[in-house]
C-alpha atoms as a PDB file:
ATOM      1  CA  PRO A   1      93.275  82.631  98.691  1.00  0.00           C
ATOM      2  CA  ARG A   2      97.066  82.708  99.508  1.00  0.00           C
ATOM      3  CA  VAL A   3     100.059  81.779  97.969  1.00  0.00           C
ATOM      4  CA  VAL A   4     101.443  79.011 100.208  1.00  0.00           C
ATOM      5  CA  ARG A   5     104.460  77.756  98.010  1.00  0.00           C
ATOM      6  CA  ARG A   6     106.131  78.813  94.948  1.00  0.00           C
ATOM      7  CA  GLY A   7     108.383  76.651  92.874  1.00  0.00           C
ATOM      8  CA  GLU A   8     108.965  74.666  90.179  1.00  0.00           C
ATOM      9  CA  ARG A   9     105.894  73.084  88.575  1.00  0.00           C
ATOM     10  CA  ALA A  10     106.577  69.153  89.026  1.00  0.00           C
ATOM     11  CA  ALA A  11     107.513  69.810  92.537  1.00  0.00           C
ATOM     12  CA  LEU A  12     104.517  72.161  93.500  1.00  0.00           C
ATOM     13  CA  ALA A  13     102.242  69.429  91.829  1.00  0.00           C
ATOM     14  CA  GLU A  14     103.774  66.614  93.842  1.00  0.00           C
ATOM     15  CA  TRP A  15     103.144  69.133  96.903  1.00  0.00           C
ATOM     16  CA  GLU A  16      99.271  69.743  95.809  1.00  0.00           C
ATOM     17  CA  ALA A  17      99.038  65.912  95.839  1.00  0.00           C
ATOM     18  CA  ARG A  18     100.141  65.577  99.186  1.00  0.00           C
ATOM     19  CA  ALA A  19      98.059  68.423 100.536  1.00  0.00           C
ATOM     20  CA  ALA A  20      95.094  67.276  98.905  1.00  0.00           C
ATOM     21  CA  GLY A  21      95.294  63.874 100.283  1.00  0.00           C
ATOM     22  CA  ALA A  22      95.839  65.695 103.904  1.00  0.00           C
ATOM     23  CA  GLY A  23      92.459  66.979 103.229  1.00  0.00           C
ATOM     24  CA  LEU A  24      93.735  70.617 102.561  1.00  0.00           C
ATOM     25  CA  ALA A  25      91.931  72.739  99.825  1.00  0.00           C
ATOM     26  CA  VAL A  26      95.315  73.557  97.400  1.00  0.00           C
ATOM     27  CA  ARG A  27      95.340  74.535  93.945  1.00  0.00           C
ATOM     28  CA  LEU A  28      98.242  74.513  91.295  1.00  0.00           C
ATOM     29  CA  LEU A  29      98.627  77.677  89.675  1.00  0.00           C
ATOM     30  CA  CYS A  30     100.894  78.957  86.351  1.00  0.00           C
ATOM     31  CA  ARG A  31     101.422  82.401  85.065  1.00  0.00           C
ATOM     32  CA  ALA A  32      99.284  82.168  82.336  1.00  0.00           C
ATOM     33  CA  ASP A  33      96.522  81.853  84.425  1.00  0.00           C
ATOM     34  CA  LEU A  34      96.505  84.719  86.136  1.00  0.00           C
ATOM     35  CA  GLU A  35      97.386  86.891  83.349  1.00  0.00           C
ATOM     36  CA  GLU A  36      93.783  85.770  81.365  1.00  0.00           C
ATOM     37  CA  ALA A  37      91.902  88.715  82.368  1.00  0.00           C
ATOM     38  CA  ALA A  38      92.887  91.895  81.031  1.00  0.00           C
ATOM     39  CA  GLY A  39      92.827  95.244  83.615  1.00  0.00           C
ATOM     40  CA  TRP A  40      90.995  98.710  82.920  1.00  0.00           C
ATOM     41  CA  ALA A  41      91.356 101.823  85.404  1.00  0.00           C
ATOM     42  CA  VAL A  42      87.890 103.168  85.717  1.00  0.00           C
ATOM     43  CA  LEU A  43      88.125 106.653  85.286  1.00  0.00           C
ATOM     44  CA  GLY A  44      84.809 107.175  86.441  1.00  0.00           C
ATOM     45  CA  GLY A  45      81.037 107.478  85.299  1.00  0.00           C
ATOM     46  CA  ALA A  46      79.480 108.871  82.342  1.00  0.00           C
ATOM     47  CA  GLY A  47      75.416 109.773  82.367  1.00  0.00           C
ATOM     48  CA  ARG A  48      72.937 108.142  84.399  1.00  0.00           C
ATOM     49  CA  GLY A  49      70.049 105.971  84.039  1.00  0.00           C
ATOM     50  CA  PRO A  50      70.081 104.067  80.809  1.00  0.00           C
ATOM     51  CA  GLU A  51      72.598 106.167  79.284  1.00  0.00           C
ATOM     52  CA  ALA A  52      75.139 105.546  82.108  1.00  0.00           C
ATOM     53  CA  ALA A  53      78.510 103.768  81.061  1.00  0.00           C
ATOM     54  CA  TRP A  54      81.942 103.387  82.827  1.00  0.00           C
ATOM     55  CA  ARG A  55      84.453 105.519  81.735  1.00  0.00           C
ATOM     56  CA  LEU A  56      87.891 103.332  81.292  1.00  0.00           C
ATOM     57  CA  SER A  57      91.534 103.162  80.217  1.00  0.00           C
ATOM     58  CA  GLY A  58      93.810 100.528  79.600  1.00  0.00           C
ATOM     59  CA  GLU A  59      96.683 101.939  81.611  1.00  0.00           C
ATOM     60  CA  PRO A  60      97.724 100.808  84.657  1.00  0.00           C
ATOM     61  CA  LEU A  61      96.987 104.597  85.884  1.00  0.00           C
ATOM     62  CA  TRP A  62      96.828 103.231  89.788  1.00  0.00           C
ATOM     63  CA  GLU A  63     100.454 102.898  89.793  1.00  0.00           C
ATOM     64  CA  GLU A  64     101.232 106.819  88.965  1.00  0.00           C
ATOM     65  CA  PRO A  65      97.249 108.370  89.056  1.00  0.00           C
ATOM     66  CA  PRO A  66      97.880 111.377  85.852  1.00  0.00           C
ATOM     67  CA  GLU A  67      97.113 114.768  86.123  1.00  0.00           C
ATOM     68  CA  PRO A  68      93.814 116.233  85.524  1.00  0.00           C
ATOM     69  CA  ASP A  69      95.053 117.923  82.221  1.00  0.00           C
ATOM     70  CA  SER A  70      96.685 114.413  81.054  1.00  0.00           C
ATOM     71  CA  VAL A  71      94.512 111.605  81.128  1.00  0.00           C
ATOM     72  CA  PRO A  72      94.538 108.881  78.318  1.00  0.00           C
ATOM     73  CA  GLU A  73      92.874 107.760  75.599  1.00  0.00           C
ATOM     74  CA  GLU A  74      89.667 106.231  76.921  1.00  0.00           C
ATOM     75  CA  ARG A  75      86.662 104.301  76.394  1.00  0.00           C
ATOM     76  CA  ARG A  76      83.054 103.698  77.586  1.00  0.00           C
ATOM     77  CA  THR A  77      81.084 100.639  78.275  1.00  0.00           C
ATOM     78  CA  PRO A  78      77.512 100.508  79.072  1.00  0.00           C
ATOM     79  CA  VAL A  79      77.366 100.059  83.311  1.00  0.00           C
ATOM     80  CA  ASP A  80      76.074  96.544  83.916  1.00  0.00           C
ATOM     81  CA  PHE A  81      76.403  95.623  87.747  1.00  0.00           C
ATOM     82  CA  GLY A  82      74.404  92.213  86.743  1.00  0.00           C
ATOM     83  CA  ALA A  83      77.569  91.444  84.854  1.00  0.00           C
ATOM     84  CA  ILE A  84      79.941  91.846  87.654  1.00  0.00           C
ATOM     85  CA  LEU A  85      80.918  88.393  89.009  1.00  0.00           C
ATOM     86  CA  GLN A  86      82.187  89.617  92.302  1.00  0.00           C
ATOM     87  CA  ALA A  87      83.836  92.700  93.956  1.00  0.00           C
ATOM     88  CA  VAL A  88      87.362  93.008  95.720  1.00  0.00           C
ATOM     89  CA  PRO A  89      87.938  95.374  98.259  1.00  0.00           C
ATOM     90  CA  GLY A  90      91.623  96.411  99.656  1.00  0.00           C
ATOM     91  CA  GLU A  91      94.410  98.843 100.427  1.00  0.00           C
ATOM     92  CA  VAL A  92      97.305  99.375  98.701  1.00  0.00           C
ATOM     93  CA  SER A  93     100.300 101.127 100.195  1.00  0.00           C
ATOM     94  CA  SER A  94     103.536 103.009  98.544  1.00  0.00           C
ATOM     95  CA  THR A  95     106.717 104.387  99.615  1.00  0.00           C
ATOM     96  CA  SER A  96     109.273 106.441  98.657  1.00  0.00           C
ATOM     97  CA  ARG A  97     111.958 108.279  99.620  1.00  0.00           C
ATOM     98  CA  ARG A  98     114.588 111.055  97.951  1.00  0.00           C
ATOM     99  CA  GLY A  99     118.148 109.669  97.586  1.00  0.00           C
ATOM    100  CA  GLY A 100     121.179 111.065  99.039  1.00  0.00           C
ATOM    101  CA  ALA A 101     124.295 112.118  96.566  1.00  0.00           C
ATOM    102  CA  VAL A 102     126.576 109.380  95.935  1.00  0.00           C
ATOM    103  CA  SER A 103     130.475 109.516  94.605  1.00  0.00           C
ATOM    104  CA  GLY A 104     130.072 106.575  92.418  1.00  0.00           C
ATOM    105  CA  ARG A 105     128.482 103.161  91.283  1.00  0.00           C
ATOM    106  CA  TRP A 106     130.416 101.218  93.967  1.00  0.00           C
ATOM    107  CA  ASP A 107     128.879 103.488  96.667  1.00  0.00           C
ATOM    108  CA  ARG A 108     125.251 102.835  95.919  1.00  0.00           C
ATOM    109  CA  GLN A 109     124.725  99.743  98.365  1.00  0.00           C
ATOM    110  CA  ARG A 110     125.982 102.799 101.245  1.00  0.00           C
ATOM    111  CA  LEU A 111     123.118 105.400 100.254  1.00  0.00           C
ATOM    112  CA  ALA A 112     122.298 107.443 103.279  1.00  0.00           C
ATOM    113  CA  ALA A 113     118.428 108.215 102.683  1.00  0.00           C
ATOM    114  CA  GLY A 114     117.856 112.097 101.605  1.00  0.00           C
ATOM    115  CA  GLY A 115     114.782 112.885 103.402  1.00  0.00           C
ATOM    116  CA  PRO A 116     111.845 110.997 105.677  1.00  0.00           C
ATOM    117  CA  GLN A 117     110.160 108.398 103.669  1.00  0.00           C
ATOM    118  CA  ALA A 118     106.688 109.122 102.260  1.00  0.00           C
ATOM    119  CA  GLU A 119     103.796 106.527 102.285  1.00  0.00           C
ATOM    120  CA  ARG A 120     100.636 106.514 100.282  1.00  0.00           C
ATOM    121  CA  ARG A 121      97.906 104.263 101.200  1.00  0.00           C
ATOM    122  CA  VAL A 122      94.874 104.263  98.977  1.00  0.00           C
ATOM    123  CA  ALA A 123      91.695 102.190  98.685  1.00  0.00           C
ATOM    124  CA  VAL A 124      90.878 100.229  95.748  1.00  0.00           C
ATOM    125  CA  LEU A 125      88.072  97.820  94.762  1.00  0.00           C
ATOM    126  CA  ASP A 126      88.721  95.400  91.497  1.00  0.00           C
ATOM    127  CA  LEU A 127      85.531  94.486  89.988  1.00  0.00           C
ATOM    128  CA  HIS A 128      85.809  90.823  88.052  1.00  0.00           C
ATOM    129  CA  LEU A 129      83.796  90.770  84.848  1.00  0.00           C
ATOM    130  CA  ARG A 130      83.974  87.688  82.620  1.00  0.00           C
ATOM    131  CA  GLY A 131      87.658  88.163  80.973  1.00  0.00           C
ATOM    132  CA  SER A 132      88.477  91.537  82.547  1.00  0.00           C
ATOM    133  CA  ILE A 133      89.016  93.503  85.655  1.00  0.00           C
ATOM    134  CA  LEU A 134      87.831  96.784  86.441  1.00  0.00           C
ATOM    135  CA  ARG A 135      89.948  98.675  88.869  1.00  0.00           C
ATOM    136  CA  ILE A 136      88.549 101.757  90.961  1.00  0.00           C
ATOM    137  CA  VAL A 137      90.716 103.836  93.017  1.00  0.00           C
ATOM    138  CA  GLU A 138      90.377 106.158  95.386  1.00  0.00           C
ATOM    139  CA  ASP A 139      92.717 109.227  93.515  1.00  0.00           C
ATOM    140  CA  MET A 140      92.260 107.726  90.423  1.00  0.00           C
ATOM    141  CA  THR A 141      88.392 107.681  90.171  1.00  0.00           C
ATOM    142  CA  ALA A 142      86.109 110.346  89.828  1.00  0.00           C
ATOM    143  CA  PHE A 143      82.893 108.937  91.721  1.00  0.00           C
ATOM    144  CA  GLY A 144      80.251 111.881  90.807  1.00  0.00           C
ATOM    145  CA  ALA A 145      78.055 109.712  88.073  1.00  0.00           C
ATOM    146  CA  LEU A 146      78.877 106.410  90.289  1.00  0.00           C
ATOM    147  CA  PRO A 147      76.260 105.153  92.361  1.00  0.00           C
ATOM    148  CA  GLY A 148      77.042 105.801  96.467  1.00  0.00           C
ATOM    149  CA  HIS A 149      79.107 108.809  95.622  1.00  0.00           C
ATOM    150  CA  ASP A 150      79.486 110.819  98.651  1.00  0.00           C
ATOM    151  CA  PRO A 151      81.122 114.542  97.876  1.00  0.00           C
ATOM    152  CA  SER A 152      82.979 114.688 101.019  1.00  0.00           C
ATOM    153  CA  SER A 153      85.318 112.150 100.069  1.00  0.00           C
ATOM    154  CA  ALA A 154      86.963 109.602  97.606  1.00  0.00           C
ATOM    155  CA  ARG A 155      87.041 106.760  99.942  1.00  0.00           C
ATOM    156  CA  LEU A 156      83.547 107.358 101.342  1.00  0.00           C
ATOM    157  CA  SER A 157      82.329 107.283  97.813  1.00  0.00           C
ATOM    158  CA  LEU A 158      84.204 103.652  97.186  1.00  0.00           C
ATOM    159  CA  LYS A 159      82.636 102.463 100.441  1.00  0.00           C
ATOM    160  CA  GLY A 160      79.528 103.732  99.450  1.00  0.00           C
ATOM    161  CA  LEU A 161      79.706 101.731  95.772  1.00  0.00           C
ATOM    162  CA  THR A 162      80.825  98.805  97.370  1.00  0.00           C
ATOM    163  CA  GLY A 163      77.313  98.975  99.839  1.00  0.00           C
ATOM    164  CA  VAL A 164      75.318  99.329  96.200  1.00  0.00           C
ATOM    165  CA  LEU A 165      76.864  96.331  94.806  1.00  0.00           C
ATOM    166  CA  SER A 166      76.455  94.474  98.014  1.00  0.00           C
ATOM    167  CA  SER A 167      72.733  95.424  98.108  1.00  0.00           C
ATOM    168  CA  LEU A 168      72.487  94.544  94.519  1.00  0.00           C
ATOM    169  CA  GLY A 169      73.537  90.814  95.249  1.00  0.00           C
ATOM    170  CA  VAL A 170      77.258  91.091  93.845  1.00  0.00           C
ATOM    171  CA  PRO A 171      79.198  89.187  96.370  1.00  0.00           C
ATOM    172  CA  VAL A 172      81.755  91.341  98.337  1.00  0.00           C
ATOM    173  CA  LEU A 173      85.186  89.564  99.347  1.00  0.00           C
ATOM    174  CA  PRO A 174      87.093  90.227 102.513  1.00  0.00           C
ATOM    175  CA  LYS A 175      89.082  93.253 102.297  1.00  0.00           C
ATOM    176  CA  ARG A 176      92.775  92.999 101.953  1.00  0.00           C
ATOM    177  CA  VAL A 177      95.721  94.968 102.534  1.00  0.00           C
ATOM    178  CA  CYS A 178      99.150  95.073 100.661  1.00  0.00           C
ATOM    179  CA  ALA A 179     102.362  96.453 102.194  1.00  0.00           C
ATOM    180  CA  ALA A 180     104.837  97.647  99.994  1.00  0.00           C
ATOM    181  CA  GLY A 181     107.466  95.209  99.012  1.00  0.00           C
ATOM    182  CA  ALA A 182     110.895  95.327  99.018  1.00  0.00           C
ATOM    183  CA  GLN A 183     112.550  98.348  98.164  1.00  0.00           C
ATOM    184  CA  THR A 184     114.430  99.324  95.079  1.00  0.00           C
ATOM    185  CA  VAL A 185     117.242 101.692  94.669  1.00  0.00           C
ATOM    186  CA  SER A 186     117.472 104.167  91.227  1.00  0.00           C
ATOM    187  CA  GLU A 187     120.245 105.750  89.426  1.00  0.00           C
ATOM    188  CA  GLY A 188     120.005 108.718  91.022  1.00  0.00           C
ATOM    189  CA  GLY A 189     119.365 107.220  94.851  1.00  0.00           C
ATOM    190  CA  ALA A 190     116.094 107.474  95.433  1.00  0.00           C
ATOM    191  CA  GLN A 191     114.181 104.448  97.006  1.00  0.00           C
ATOM    192  CA  SER A 192     110.851 103.115  96.522  1.00  0.00           C
ATOM    193  CA  GLY A 193     108.315 100.531  97.306  1.00  0.00           C
ATOM    194  CA  SER A 194     105.109  99.543  95.928  1.00  0.00           C
ATOM    195  CA  GLY A 195     102.380  96.981  96.941  1.00  0.00           C
ATOM    196  CA  TRP A 196     100.642  97.182  93.725  1.00  0.00           C
ATOM    197  CA  PRO A 197     102.189  93.835  92.276  1.00  0.00           C
ATOM    198  CA  GLY A 198     100.809  92.202  95.803  1.00  0.00           C
ATOM    199  CA  TRP A 199      97.596  93.272  94.942  1.00  0.00           C
ATOM    200  CA  GLU A 200      97.738  92.325  91.575  1.00  0.00           C
ATOM    201  CA  GLU A 201      98.323  88.654  92.217  1.00  0.00           C
ATOM    202  CA  HIS A 202      96.131  88.478  95.227  1.00  0.00           C
ATOM    203  CA  SER A 203      92.827  89.939  92.775  1.00  0.00           C
ATOM    204  CA  ARG A 204      93.857  88.103  89.977  1.00  0.00           C
ATOM    205  CA  ILE A 205      93.587  84.940  92.225  1.00  0.00           C
ATOM    206  CA  CYS A 206      90.673  85.360  93.560  1.00  0.00           C
ATOM    207  CA  TYR A 207      89.229  85.683  89.646  1.00  0.00           C
ATOM    208  CA  VAL A 208      90.786  82.141  88.639  1.00  0.00           C
ATOM    209  CA  VAL A 209      89.990  80.708  91.579  1.00  0.00           C
ATOM    210  CA  ASN A 210      86.558  81.512  91.848  1.00  0.00           C
ATOM    211  CA  PHE A 211      85.382  81.510  87.541  1.00  0.00           C
ATOM    212  CA  MET A 212      88.081  80.276  85.759  1.00  0.00           C
ATOM    213  CA  ASP A 213      86.781  76.582  85.621  1.00  0.00           C
ATOM    214  CA  GLU A 214      83.088  78.158  85.066  1.00  0.00           C
ATOM    215  CA  PRO A 215      81.691  77.914  81.552  1.00  0.00           C
ATOM    216  CA  ALA A 216      81.006  81.565  79.875  1.00  0.00           C
ATOM    217  CA  GLY A 217      77.892  82.808  81.318  1.00  0.00           C
ATOM    218  CA  GLY A 218      78.157  80.721  84.727  1.00  0.00           C
ATOM    219  CA  GLN A 219      78.005  82.280  88.324  1.00  0.00           C
END
């Protein structure tokens, strides 16, 4: 699914009707639709067999992974692969650049970069459950207790988990790459761009389009 047009609801509804008349598959969404599901960061797995559980945090840790000794409060919930409606794999890019010195606030549009631009690319896998999204990120999630784990690489572990889910019959959508968006400039002149808003929108649209109209418990 892709966003093809944005604007006021009335204008979009008129355009939606014309597109439908031309045989195009179009759906009108509002922000409330996309905020329906709560996002959880998967910190890792706990236990195996009947005692297996997801370790989850409700904070958006994927945007800035925490230090190992400062992991926030977490909750645990049983691992239930049968409850996963679909898996959404992808990659997200974020960029940053150190700022240079500025003499005043009127000079901020004329900043010279203080250093080379750094790019961070991470693999991500969103698992859609009824009413929630579990987000697994290669440099945030500990894969040791999760199926498909490869001790040599977090990215290979994520790929292995995706393969396990596919073998269990979980639909796996095509991979989506979200590049860093428009650069923002901080007070000190540092510049940053993030692909996370684009990924958030993509994942939630996949959830809404495929499952929001179904009754609870439907597949």
